[in-house]
């Protein structure tokens, strides 16, 4: 079995796992604010609760696969690691002096979708460290948003584990999509998808979505 086929199967599993989390029973959702299990479930559900989060995280995987080489795994690792740091800032409710922090975070998430989508649409292949810095920078905004919405009675550690795991699954979905660039038609489709992601980001930035 080729490496591409193996990665494609992993991506399908990631997509299936993420889909399952979005279909959690309402009875479970009613208890996602308490205890270790509740914190884990809350954390798992949060990344898929907003389209802006979803498209940006999928874009990270797509871009990594598009660049290829070490970027395919490094970018999807950098994002959740830095996002966990941002989540800690959100849990601690760290505020930016003289600035409406919530608005900055909201804007940062929208701009992340625009930027990452544009990188894919434009077939950008910057040096690996530049791509990692871009991904890590935007991960802080997503992490802060997750941490700031930690349920009062939930366990912060298990909540963080939950949103990091689902973020990884979304990255894996993106990698699966990004692997389509190995075919001429797939390259066109992937770049078009990047344009759609950027467009969704613009929609969120200007309150159209």
N, C-alpha and C. Protein backbone atom coordinates (compact mmCIF):
# COMPACT_ATOMS: atom_id res chain seq x y z
N UNK A 1 0.85 -1.21 0.00
CA UNK A 1 0.00 0.00 0.00
C UNK A 1 0.88 1.25 0.00
N UNK A 2 0.61 2.18 -0.87
CA UNK A 2 1.43 3.38 -0.97
C UNK A 2 1.18 4.30 0.21
N UNK A 3 2.16 5.22 0.43
CA UNK A 3 2.01 6.18 1.52
C UNK A 3 0.79 7.05 1.32
N UNK A 4 0.52 7.45 0.07
CA UNK A 4 -0.63 8.30 -0.21
C UNK A 4 -1.93 7.61 0.18
N UNK A 5 -2.03 6.32 -0.14
CA UNK A 5 -3.25 5.59 0.21
C UNK A 5 -3.40 5.46 1.71
N UNK A 6 -2.29 5.23 2.40
CA UNK A 6 -2.35 5.13 3.86
C UNK A 6 -2.83 6.44 4.47
N UNK A 7 -2.26 7.55 3.97
CA UNK A 7 -2.66 8.86 4.49
C UNK A 7 -4.11 9.15 4.17
N UNK A 8 -4.56 8.74 3.00
CA UNK A 8 -5.95 8.96 2.62
C UNK A 8 -6.88 8.21 3.56
N UNK A 9 -6.52 6.98 3.91
CA UNK A 9 -7.35 6.21 4.84
C UNK A 9 -7.38 6.86 6.21
N UNK A 10 -6.23 7.37 6.66
CA UNK A 10 -6.18 8.06 7.95
C UNK A 10 -7.07 9.30 7.91
N UNK A 11 -7.04 10.01 6.80
CA UNK A 11 -7.86 11.21 6.68
C UNK A 11 -9.34 10.88 6.73
N UNK A 12 -9.73 9.77 6.09
CA UNK A 12 -11.12 9.36 6.11
C UNK A 12 -11.54 9.03 7.54
N UNK A 13 -10.66 8.34 8.27
CA UNK A 13 -10.95 8.03 9.66
C UNK A 13 -11.09 9.30 10.48
N UNK A 14 -10.23 10.28 10.20
CA UNK A 14 -10.33 11.55 10.91
C UNK A 14 -11.64 12.24 10.64
N UNK A 15 -12.06 12.23 9.37
CA UNK A 15 -13.33 12.85 8.99
C UNK A 15 -14.48 12.14 9.68
N UNK A 16 -14.43 10.81 9.70
CA UNK A 16 -15.50 10.03 10.33
C UNK A 16 -15.57 10.31 11.83
N UNK A 17 -14.37 10.39 12.46
CA UNK A 17 -14.34 10.66 13.90
C UNK A 17 -14.88 12.03 14.22
N UNK A 18 -14.51 13.02 13.42
CA UNK A 18 -15.02 14.37 13.64
C UNK A 18 -16.52 14.42 13.45
N UNK A 19 -17.01 13.73 12.44
CA UNK A 19 -18.45 13.68 12.18
C UNK A 19 -19.20 13.07 13.36
N UNK A 20 -18.63 12.03 13.96
CA UNK A 20 -19.27 11.40 15.10
C UNK A 20 -19.41 12.39 16.26
N UNK A 21 -18.37 13.20 16.49
CA UNK A 21 -18.42 14.16 17.59
C UNK A 21 -19.51 15.20 17.37
N UNK A 22 -19.79 15.52 16.10
CA UNK A 22 -20.83 16.51 15.84
C UNK A 22 -22.22 15.93 16.04
N UNK A 23 -22.32 14.59 16.15
CA UNK A 23 -23.60 13.94 16.30
C UNK A 23 -23.80 13.37 17.70
N UNK A 24 -23.08 13.90 18.67
CA UNK A 24 -23.22 13.42 20.04
C UNK A 24 -24.66 13.58 20.51
N UNK A 25 -25.19 12.61 21.24
CA UNK A 25 -26.57 12.68 21.70
C UNK A 25 -26.80 13.91 22.55
N UNK A 26 -28.02 14.43 22.50
CA UNK A 26 -28.37 15.60 23.29
C UNK A 26 -28.26 15.31 24.77
N UNK A 27 -28.48 14.05 25.16
CA UNK A 27 -28.38 13.71 26.57
C UNK A 27 -26.96 13.90 27.06
N UNK A 28 -25.97 13.59 26.20
CA UNK A 28 -24.58 13.80 26.59
C UNK A 28 -24.28 15.28 26.64
N UNK A 29 -24.81 16.03 25.66
CA UNK A 29 -24.56 17.46 25.61
C UNK A 29 -25.08 18.16 26.85
N UNK A 30 -26.13 17.61 27.43
CA UNK A 30 -26.73 18.24 28.61
C UNK A 30 -25.81 18.15 29.82
N UNK A 31 -24.80 17.28 29.74
CA UNK A 31 -23.92 17.08 30.89
C UNK A 31 -22.47 17.43 30.58
N UNK A 32 -22.24 18.18 29.51
CA UNK A 32 -20.87 18.46 29.11
C UNK A 32 -20.23 19.59 29.90
N UNK A 33 -20.86 20.07 30.95
CA UNK A 33 -20.26 21.14 31.71
C UNK A 33 -19.67 20.70 33.03
N UNK A 34 -19.71 19.40 33.34
CA UNK A 34 -19.27 18.97 34.65
C UNK A 34 -18.26 17.83 34.56
N UNK A 35 -17.33 17.80 35.53
CA UNK A 35 -16.42 16.70 35.70
C UNK A 35 -15.41 16.50 34.58
N UNK A 36 -14.62 15.40 34.74
CA UNK A 36 -13.58 15.10 33.76
C UNK A 36 -14.17 14.71 32.41
N UNK A 37 -15.15 13.80 32.43
CA UNK A 37 -15.78 13.36 31.19
C UNK A 37 -16.51 14.53 30.53
N UNK A 38 -17.21 15.31 31.34
CA UNK A 38 -17.92 16.47 30.80
C UNK A 38 -16.96 17.46 30.17
N UNK A 39 -15.82 17.69 30.81
CA UNK A 39 -14.83 18.60 30.25
C UNK A 39 -14.27 18.09 28.94
N UNK A 40 -14.03 16.76 28.88
CA UNK A 40 -13.50 16.16 27.66
C UNK A 40 -14.49 16.32 26.51
N UNK A 41 -15.75 16.02 26.77
CA UNK A 41 -16.78 16.12 25.73
C UNK A 41 -16.99 17.56 25.29
N UNK A 42 -16.96 18.48 26.25
CA UNK A 42 -17.11 19.89 25.91
C UNK A 42 -15.97 20.34 25.01
N UNK A 43 -14.76 19.93 25.36
CA UNK A 43 -13.60 20.29 24.56
C UNK A 43 -13.66 19.70 23.17
N UNK A 44 -14.17 18.49 23.06
CA UNK A 44 -14.29 17.84 21.75
C UNK A 44 -15.30 18.55 20.86
N UNK A 45 -16.36 19.03 21.48
CA UNK A 45 -17.43 19.64 20.69
C UNK A 45 -17.10 21.07 20.26
N UNK A 46 -16.28 21.76 21.03
CA UNK A 46 -16.06 23.18 20.76
C UNK A 46 -15.44 23.47 19.39
N UNK A 47 -14.42 22.74 18.94
CA UNK A 47 -13.83 23.06 17.63
C UNK A 47 -14.79 22.90 16.46
N UNK A 48 -15.81 22.05 16.62
CA UNK A 48 -16.75 21.83 15.52
C UNK A 48 -18.05 22.61 15.73
N UNK A 49 -18.02 23.55 16.68
CA UNK A 49 -19.23 24.33 16.96
C UNK A 49 -19.32 25.58 16.11
N UNK A 50 -18.25 25.91 15.40
CA UNK A 50 -18.25 27.11 14.57
C UNK A 50 -17.55 26.86 13.24
N UNK A 51 -18.16 27.30 12.16
CA UNK A 51 -17.59 27.09 10.83
C UNK A 51 -16.25 27.78 10.68
N UNK A 52 -16.08 28.93 11.36
CA UNK A 52 -14.81 29.65 11.26
C UNK A 52 -13.66 28.81 11.82
N UNK A 53 -13.90 28.12 12.93
CA UNK A 53 -12.88 27.24 13.49
C UNK A 53 -12.60 26.07 12.53
N UNK A 54 -13.66 25.46 12.05
CA UNK A 54 -13.52 24.26 11.23
C UNK A 54 -12.70 24.53 9.98
N UNK A 55 -13.06 25.58 9.22
CA UNK A 55 -12.38 25.81 7.94
C UNK A 55 -10.90 26.16 8.15
N UNK A 56 -10.60 26.91 9.21
CA UNK A 56 -9.21 27.27 9.46
C UNK A 56 -8.37 26.04 9.81
N UNK A 57 -8.93 25.16 10.64
CA UNK A 57 -8.18 23.97 11.05
C UNK A 57 -8.01 23.00 9.90
N UNK A 58 -9.03 22.86 9.07
CA UNK A 58 -8.91 22.01 7.88
C UNK A 58 -7.88 22.61 6.92
N UNK A 59 -7.88 23.94 6.81
CA UNK A 59 -6.93 24.61 5.92
C UNK A 59 -5.49 24.34 6.31
N UNK A 60 -5.22 24.22 7.60
CA UNK A 60 -3.86 23.92 8.06
C UNK A 60 -3.39 22.59 7.48
N UNK A 61 -4.27 21.57 7.55
CA UNK A 61 -3.93 20.26 7.00
C UNK A 61 -3.76 20.30 5.50
N UNK A 62 -4.66 21.03 4.82
CA UNK A 62 -4.57 21.14 3.36
C UNK A 62 -3.26 21.80 2.95
N UNK A 63 -2.93 22.90 3.62
CA UNK A 63 -1.72 23.64 3.26
C UNK A 63 -0.48 22.80 3.51
N UNK A 64 -0.47 22.08 4.64
CA UNK A 64 0.67 21.22 4.94
C UNK A 64 0.87 20.16 3.87
N UNK A 65 -0.22 19.53 3.44
CA UNK A 65 -0.14 18.51 2.39
C UNK A 65 0.25 19.13 1.06
N UNK A 66 -0.23 20.36 0.82
CA UNK A 66 0.07 21.05 -0.43
C UNK A 66 1.56 21.37 -0.52
N UNK A 67 2.14 21.87 0.58
CA UNK A 67 3.58 22.16 0.60
C UNK A 67 4.37 20.86 0.48
N UNK A 68 3.90 19.85 1.20
CA UNK A 68 4.53 18.54 1.13
C UNK A 68 5.73 18.40 2.04
N UNK A 69 6.35 17.24 2.02
CA UNK A 69 7.52 16.99 2.86
C UNK A 69 7.18 17.07 4.34
N UNK A 70 8.08 17.63 5.11
CA UNK A 70 7.89 17.72 6.56
C UNK A 70 6.72 18.62 6.94
N UNK A 71 6.36 19.54 6.05
CA UNK A 71 5.28 20.48 6.35
C UNK A 71 3.96 19.75 6.58
N UNK A 72 3.78 18.61 5.92
CA UNK A 72 2.51 17.89 6.03
C UNK A 72 2.24 17.46 7.47
N UNK A 73 3.29 17.20 8.23
CA UNK A 73 3.11 16.80 9.62
C UNK A 73 3.47 17.91 10.60
N UNK A 74 4.42 18.75 10.22
CA UNK A 74 4.83 19.80 11.15
C UNK A 74 3.73 20.82 11.41
N UNK A 75 3.08 21.29 10.35
CA UNK A 75 2.04 22.32 10.54
C UNK A 75 0.88 21.81 11.40
N UNK A 76 0.38 20.58 11.16
CA UNK A 76 -0.69 20.07 12.01
C UNK A 76 -0.25 19.75 13.45
N UNK A 77 1.06 19.74 13.69
CA UNK A 77 1.55 19.57 15.07
C UNK A 77 1.72 20.93 15.73
N UNK A 78 2.26 21.88 14.99
CA UNK A 78 2.47 23.23 15.53
C UNK A 78 1.15 23.85 15.97
N UNK A 79 0.12 23.70 15.14
CA UNK A 79 -1.15 24.36 15.45
C UNK A 79 -1.73 23.94 16.81
N UNK A 80 -1.96 22.65 17.07
CA UNK A 80 -2.54 22.28 18.37
C UNK A 80 -1.64 22.56 19.56
N UNK A 81 -0.31 22.47 19.35
CA UNK A 81 0.61 22.75 20.46
C UNK A 81 0.50 24.21 20.88
N UNK A 82 0.58 25.12 19.90
CA UNK A 82 0.47 26.54 20.21
C UNK A 82 -0.95 26.89 20.64
N UNK A 83 -1.93 26.20 20.05
CA UNK A 83 -3.32 26.44 20.43
C UNK A 83 -3.56 26.13 21.90
N UNK A 84 -2.90 25.09 22.41
CA UNK A 84 -3.03 24.75 23.83
C UNK A 84 -2.52 25.90 24.70
N UNK A 85 -1.44 26.54 24.25
CA UNK A 85 -0.91 27.71 24.97
C UNK A 85 -1.94 28.83 24.94
N UNK A 86 -2.53 29.07 23.77
CA UNK A 86 -3.56 30.09 23.67
C UNK A 86 -4.76 29.75 24.53
N UNK A 87 -5.07 28.45 24.61
CA UNK A 87 -6.17 28.02 25.46
C UNK A 87 -5.92 28.37 26.92
N UNK A 88 -4.67 28.23 27.35
CA UNK A 88 -4.32 28.60 28.72
C UNK A 88 -4.54 30.08 28.97
N UNK A 89 -4.21 30.91 27.99
CA UNK A 89 -4.45 32.35 28.13
C UNK A 89 -5.94 32.63 28.24
N UNK A 90 -6.73 31.87 27.47
CA UNK A 90 -8.17 32.06 27.52
C UNK A 90 -8.76 31.64 28.85
N UNK A 91 -8.29 30.53 29.37
CA UNK A 91 -8.77 30.05 30.68
C UNK A 91 -8.45 31.06 31.77
N UNK A 92 -7.26 31.66 31.68
CA UNK A 92 -6.83 32.66 32.66
C UNK A 92 -7.45 34.03 32.40
N UNK A 93 -8.19 34.13 31.28
CA UNK A 93 -8.86 35.39 30.91
C UNK A 93 -7.87 36.55 30.81
N UNK A 94 -6.69 36.26 30.22
CA UNK A 94 -5.69 37.30 30.02
C UNK A 94 -6.25 38.34 29.06
N UNK A 95 -6.19 39.60 29.44
CA UNK A 95 -6.76 40.68 28.62
C UNK A 95 -5.65 41.51 27.97
N UNK A 96 -5.95 42.01 26.78
CA UNK A 96 -5.01 42.91 26.10
C UNK A 96 -5.29 44.33 26.58
N UNK A 97 -4.29 45.02 27.11
CA UNK A 97 -4.49 46.36 27.66
C UNK A 97 -5.02 47.36 26.63
N UNK A 98 -6.11 48.00 26.97
CA UNK A 98 -6.66 49.05 26.12
C UNK A 98 -7.34 48.56 24.87
N UNK A 99 -7.53 47.24 24.76
CA UNK A 99 -8.14 46.67 23.55
C UNK A 99 -9.25 45.71 23.97
N UNK A 100 -10.32 45.70 23.19
CA UNK A 100 -11.41 44.76 23.45
C UNK A 100 -10.95 43.37 22.99
N UNK A 101 -10.48 42.57 23.96
CA UNK A 101 -9.85 41.29 23.65
C UNK A 101 -10.75 40.38 22.84
N UNK A 102 -12.02 40.28 23.20
CA UNK A 102 -12.94 39.38 22.49
C UNK A 102 -13.02 39.73 21.01
N UNK A 103 -13.04 41.03 20.71
CA UNK A 103 -13.13 41.46 19.32
C UNK A 103 -11.84 41.12 18.57
N UNK A 104 -10.70 41.28 19.24
CA UNK A 104 -9.41 40.94 18.61
C UNK A 104 -9.36 39.45 18.29
N UNK A 105 -9.81 38.62 19.21
CA UNK A 105 -9.79 37.17 19.01
C UNK A 105 -10.71 36.80 17.86
N UNK A 106 -11.89 37.37 17.84
CA UNK A 106 -12.86 37.09 16.77
C UNK A 106 -12.28 37.49 15.41
N UNK A 107 -11.66 38.65 15.37
CA UNK A 107 -11.05 39.12 14.12
C UNK A 107 -9.89 38.22 13.71
N UNK A 108 -9.07 37.82 14.69
CA UNK A 108 -7.93 36.96 14.40
C UNK A 108 -8.35 35.62 13.81
N UNK A 109 -9.45 35.06 14.30
CA UNK A 109 -9.95 33.78 13.78
C UNK A 109 -10.41 33.94 12.34
N UNK A 110 -11.14 35.03 12.07
CA UNK A 110 -11.60 35.28 10.70
C UNK A 110 -10.43 35.48 9.75
N UNK A 111 -9.44 36.26 10.19
CA UNK A 111 -8.27 36.52 9.35
C UNK A 111 -7.45 35.24 9.14
N UNK A 112 -7.48 34.35 10.11
CA UNK A 112 -6.77 33.08 9.95
C UNK A 112 -7.35 32.27 8.80
N UNK A 113 -8.68 32.25 8.69
CA UNK A 113 -9.33 31.53 7.59
C UNK A 113 -8.98 32.20 6.26
N UNK A 114 -8.99 33.53 6.25
CA UNK A 114 -8.66 34.27 5.02
C UNK A 114 -7.23 33.96 4.59
N UNK A 115 -6.30 34.06 5.53
CA UNK A 115 -4.87 33.88 5.22
C UNK A 115 -4.54 32.45 4.81
N UNK A 116 -5.00 31.49 5.61
CA UNK A 116 -4.68 30.09 5.31
C UNK A 116 -5.36 29.64 4.02
N UNK A 117 -6.60 30.09 3.81
CA UNK A 117 -7.28 29.76 2.57
C UNK A 117 -6.57 30.36 1.38
N UNK A 118 -6.10 31.60 1.53
CA UNK A 118 -5.38 32.28 0.44
C UNK A 118 -4.06 31.58 0.14
N UNK A 119 -3.38 31.08 1.17
CA UNK A 119 -2.13 30.37 0.96
C UNK A 119 -2.34 29.15 0.07
N UNK A 120 -3.46 28.46 0.31
CA UNK A 120 -3.78 27.28 -0.50
C UNK A 120 -4.19 27.70 -1.91
N UNK A 121 -5.07 28.70 -1.99
CA UNK A 121 -5.57 29.15 -3.29
C UNK A 121 -4.44 29.66 -4.18
N UNK A 122 -3.45 30.29 -3.58
CA UNK A 122 -2.34 30.86 -4.34
C UNK A 122 -1.18 29.87 -4.51
N UNK A 123 -1.37 28.66 -3.97
CA UNK A 123 -0.32 27.63 -4.05
C UNK A 123 0.98 28.12 -3.44
N UNK A 124 0.89 28.84 -2.33
CA UNK A 124 2.07 29.42 -1.68
C UNK A 124 2.92 28.33 -1.04
N UNK A 125 4.20 28.40 -1.28
CA UNK A 125 5.15 27.44 -0.70
C UNK A 125 6.31 28.20 -0.03
N UNK A 126 6.05 28.88 1.07
CA UNK A 126 7.11 29.62 1.75
C UNK A 126 8.06 28.65 2.45
N UNK A 127 9.20 29.15 2.95
CA UNK A 127 10.07 28.29 3.75
C UNK A 127 9.27 27.68 4.92
N UNK A 128 9.67 26.50 5.31
CA UNK A 128 8.91 25.78 6.33
C UNK A 128 8.75 26.58 7.60
N UNK A 129 9.79 27.29 8.03
CA UNK A 129 9.70 28.03 9.28
C UNK A 129 8.70 29.19 9.17
N UNK A 130 8.60 29.77 7.98
CA UNK A 130 7.63 30.86 7.78
C UNK A 130 6.21 30.31 7.89
N UNK A 131 5.97 29.18 7.23
CA UNK A 131 4.65 28.56 7.30
C UNK A 131 4.29 28.19 8.74
N UNK A 132 5.28 27.67 9.48
CA UNK A 132 5.05 27.28 10.88
C UNK A 132 4.73 28.50 11.74
N UNK A 133 5.40 29.61 11.51
CA UNK A 133 5.14 30.84 12.27
C UNK A 133 3.74 31.35 11.98
N UNK A 134 3.33 31.33 10.73
CA UNK A 134 1.99 31.79 10.36
C UNK A 134 0.93 30.93 11.04
N UNK A 135 1.10 29.62 10.96
CA UNK A 135 0.15 28.69 11.57
C UNK A 135 0.12 28.86 13.09
N UNK A 136 1.30 28.96 13.70
CA UNK A 136 1.37 29.12 15.15
C UNK A 136 0.75 30.42 15.62
N UNK A 137 0.96 31.48 14.87
CA UNK A 137 0.38 32.79 15.23
C UNK A 137 -1.13 32.72 15.30
N UNK A 138 -1.75 32.14 14.28
CA UNK A 138 -3.21 32.08 14.27
C UNK A 138 -3.75 31.05 15.26
N UNK A 139 -2.95 30.06 15.60
CA UNK A 139 -3.38 29.05 16.58
C UNK A 139 -3.68 29.69 17.94
N UNK A 140 -2.96 30.77 18.26
CA UNK A 140 -3.17 31.44 19.54
C UNK A 140 -4.60 31.97 19.64
N UNK A 141 -5.11 32.54 18.56
CA UNK A 141 -6.47 33.09 18.58
C UNK A 141 -7.50 31.98 18.77
N UNK A 142 -7.33 30.89 18.05
CA UNK A 142 -8.28 29.78 18.19
C UNK A 142 -8.22 29.18 19.59
N UNK A 143 -7.00 29.03 20.11
CA UNK A 143 -6.85 28.48 21.44
C UNK A 143 -7.47 29.36 22.50
N UNK A 144 -7.26 30.67 22.37
CA UNK A 144 -7.84 31.61 23.34
C UNK A 144 -9.36 31.49 23.34
N UNK A 145 -9.94 31.41 22.15
CA UNK A 145 -11.40 31.30 22.06
C UNK A 145 -11.90 30.04 22.74
N UNK A 146 -11.19 28.93 22.53
CA UNK A 146 -11.58 27.67 23.19
C UNK A 146 -11.48 27.80 24.71
N UNK A 147 -10.35 28.32 25.17
CA UNK A 147 -10.12 28.43 26.61
C UNK A 147 -11.09 29.38 27.28
N UNK A 148 -11.42 30.48 26.62
CA UNK A 148 -12.31 31.48 27.21
C UNK A 148 -13.71 30.94 27.40
N UNK A 149 -14.07 29.91 26.64
CA UNK A 149 -15.42 29.35 26.73
C UNK A 149 -15.45 28.05 27.52
N UNK A 150 -14.43 27.84 28.35
CA UNK A 150 -14.41 26.68 29.23
C UNK A 150 -15.60 26.71 30.17
N UNK A 151 -16.44 25.65 30.20
CA UNK A 151 -17.57 25.61 31.13
C UNK A 151 -17.07 25.73 32.56
N UNK A 152 -17.80 26.46 33.38
CA UNK A 152 -17.36 26.76 34.74
C UNK A 152 -17.06 25.51 35.56
N UNK A 153 -17.85 24.46 35.38
CA UNK A 153 -17.68 23.27 36.22
C UNK A 153 -16.81 22.20 35.57
N UNK A 154 -16.29 22.47 34.37
CA UNK A 154 -15.52 21.45 33.65
C UNK A 154 -14.07 21.44 34.10
N UNK A 155 -13.44 20.29 33.90
CA UNK A 155 -12.02 20.14 34.19
C UNK A 155 -11.23 20.76 33.04
N UNK A 156 -10.38 21.75 33.34
CA UNK A 156 -9.67 22.48 32.29
C UNK A 156 -8.72 21.58 31.50
N UNK A 157 -8.07 20.62 32.17
CA UNK A 157 -7.11 19.76 31.50
C UNK A 157 -7.81 18.85 30.50
N UNK A 158 -8.88 18.17 30.92
CA UNK A 158 -9.57 17.26 30.01
C UNK A 158 -10.27 18.04 28.89
N UNK A 159 -10.70 19.25 29.20
CA UNK A 159 -11.30 20.11 28.18
C UNK A 159 -10.27 20.42 27.10
N UNK A 160 -9.05 20.75 27.53
CA UNK A 160 -7.97 21.05 26.58
C UNK A 160 -7.63 19.83 25.74
N UNK A 161 -7.57 18.66 26.38
CA UNK A 161 -7.29 17.43 25.65
C UNK A 161 -8.36 17.21 24.58
N UNK A 162 -9.59 17.47 24.93
CA UNK A 162 -10.70 17.29 23.99
C UNK A 162 -10.57 18.16 22.76
N UNK A 163 -10.31 19.46 22.95
CA UNK A 163 -10.26 20.31 21.76
C UNK A 163 -8.98 20.11 20.95
N UNK A 164 -7.92 19.66 21.60
CA UNK A 164 -6.69 19.36 20.85
C UNK A 164 -6.87 18.10 19.99
N UNK A 165 -7.53 17.10 20.54
CA UNK A 165 -7.76 15.85 19.80
C UNK A 165 -8.62 16.10 18.56
N UNK A 166 -9.72 16.81 18.73
CA UNK A 166 -10.60 17.06 17.59
C UNK A 166 -9.93 17.99 16.57
N UNK A 167 -9.13 18.91 17.05
CA UNK A 167 -8.37 19.76 16.13
C UNK A 167 -7.45 18.90 15.27
N UNK A 168 -6.81 17.92 15.89
CA UNK A 168 -5.95 17.01 15.14
C UNK A 168 -6.73 16.23 14.08
N UNK A 169 -7.94 15.83 14.42
CA UNK A 169 -8.78 15.12 13.46
C UNK A 169 -9.14 16.01 12.27
N UNK A 170 -9.42 17.28 12.56
CA UNK A 170 -9.74 18.23 11.48
C UNK A 170 -8.52 18.45 10.59
N UNK A 171 -7.34 18.53 11.20
CA UNK A 171 -6.11 18.64 10.41
C UNK A 171 -5.95 17.42 9.50
N UNK A 172 -6.26 16.26 10.05
CA UNK A 172 -6.13 15.02 9.29
C UNK A 172 -7.08 15.02 8.09
N UNK A 173 -8.27 15.55 8.29
CA UNK A 173 -9.21 15.69 7.17
C UNK A 173 -8.61 16.59 6.10
N UNK A 174 -8.00 17.68 6.55
CA UNK A 174 -7.38 18.60 5.61
C UNK A 174 -6.25 17.95 4.83
N UNK A 175 -5.45 17.13 5.51
CA UNK A 175 -4.36 16.42 4.83
C UNK A 175 -4.92 15.53 3.73
N UNK A 176 -6.02 14.84 4.03
CA UNK A 176 -6.65 13.98 3.04
C UNK A 176 -7.07 14.75 1.81
N UNK A 177 -7.64 15.94 2.03
CA UNK A 177 -8.05 16.79 0.91
C UNK A 177 -6.81 17.29 0.16
N UNK A 178 -5.80 17.69 0.92
CA UNK A 178 -4.59 18.23 0.30
C UNK A 178 -3.86 17.24 -0.58
N UNK A 179 -3.99 15.96 -0.28
CA UNK A 179 -3.30 14.94 -1.08
C UNK A 179 -3.85 14.84 -2.50
N UNK A 180 -4.99 15.45 -2.73
CA UNK A 180 -5.55 15.46 -4.08
C UNK A 180 -4.68 16.23 -5.06
N UNK A 181 -3.75 17.03 -4.55
CA UNK A 181 -2.90 17.83 -5.44
C UNK A 181 -1.99 16.96 -6.30
N UNK A 182 -1.91 15.67 -6.00
CA UNK A 182 -1.07 14.79 -6.79
C UNK A 182 -1.69 14.49 -8.16
N UNK A 183 -2.94 14.92 -8.35
CA UNK A 183 -3.60 14.79 -9.65
C UNK A 183 -3.91 16.18 -10.18
N UNK A 184 -3.80 16.40 -11.48
CA UNK A 184 -4.05 17.73 -12.04
C UNK A 184 -5.41 18.30 -11.67
N UNK A 185 -6.47 17.49 -11.78
CA UNK A 185 -7.80 17.96 -11.43
C UNK A 185 -7.90 18.24 -9.94
N UNK A 186 -7.18 17.42 -9.15
CA UNK A 186 -7.21 17.60 -7.71
C UNK A 186 -6.54 18.90 -7.28
N UNK A 187 -5.47 19.26 -7.96
CA UNK A 187 -4.77 20.51 -7.65
C UNK A 187 -5.70 21.71 -7.86
N UNK A 188 -6.47 21.65 -8.95
CA UNK A 188 -7.42 22.73 -9.22
C UNK A 188 -8.50 22.77 -8.14
N UNK A 189 -9.00 21.58 -7.77
CA UNK A 189 -10.06 21.50 -6.76
C UNK A 189 -9.58 22.00 -5.40
N UNK A 190 -8.36 21.63 -5.04
CA UNK A 190 -7.81 22.03 -3.74
C UNK A 190 -7.62 23.55 -3.69
N UNK A 191 -7.09 24.11 -4.75
CA UNK A 191 -6.89 25.56 -4.78
C UNK A 191 -8.22 26.30 -4.76
N UNK A 192 -9.21 25.74 -5.44
CA UNK A 192 -10.55 26.34 -5.40
C UNK A 192 -11.12 26.26 -3.99
N UNK A 193 -10.86 25.14 -3.31
CA UNK A 193 -11.30 24.99 -1.93
C UNK A 193 -10.66 26.01 -1.02
N UNK A 194 -9.38 26.32 -1.29
CA UNK A 194 -8.71 27.35 -0.51
C UNK A 194 -9.39 28.69 -0.70
N UNK A 195 -9.81 28.96 -1.93
CA UNK A 195 -10.53 30.21 -2.19
C UNK A 195 -11.84 30.27 -1.44
N UNK A 196 -12.53 29.14 -1.36
CA UNK A 196 -13.80 29.08 -0.62
C UNK A 196 -13.56 29.35 0.87
N UNK A 197 -12.50 28.76 1.41
CA UNK A 197 -12.16 28.96 2.82
C UNK A 197 -11.86 30.43 3.09
N UNK A 198 -11.08 31.05 2.19
CA UNK A 198 -10.77 32.47 2.35
C UNK A 198 -12.05 33.30 2.28
N UNK A 199 -12.96 32.91 1.37
CA UNK A 199 -14.23 33.63 1.25
C UNK A 199 -15.07 33.52 2.51
N UNK A 200 -15.06 32.35 3.13
CA UNK A 200 -15.79 32.17 4.38
C UNK A 200 -15.20 33.07 5.46
N UNK A 201 -13.87 33.16 5.47
CA UNK A 201 -13.20 34.04 6.44
C UNK A 201 -13.62 35.48 6.25
N UNK A 202 -13.71 35.93 4.98
CA UNK A 202 -14.15 37.30 4.69
C UNK A 202 -15.58 37.50 5.20
N UNK A 203 -16.41 36.48 5.01
CA UNK A 203 -17.79 36.55 5.48
C UNK A 203 -17.86 36.77 6.98
N UNK A 204 -17.03 36.02 7.74
CA UNK A 204 -17.01 36.18 9.19
C UNK A 204 -16.43 37.52 9.60
N UNK A 205 -15.41 37.97 8.88
CA UNK A 205 -14.76 39.23 9.23
C UNK A 205 -15.72 40.41 9.13
N UNK A 206 -16.58 40.39 8.13
CA UNK A 206 -17.51 41.50 7.93
C UNK A 206 -18.93 41.20 8.41
N UNK A 207 -19.05 40.11 9.18
CA UNK A 207 -20.35 39.79 9.76
C UNK A 207 -21.39 39.34 8.77
N UNK A 208 -20.97 38.77 7.65
CA UNK A 208 -21.90 38.31 6.63
C UNK A 208 -22.35 36.87 6.87
N UNK A 209 -21.64 36.18 7.72
CA UNK A 209 -21.96 34.77 8.05
C UNK A 209 -22.24 34.66 9.54
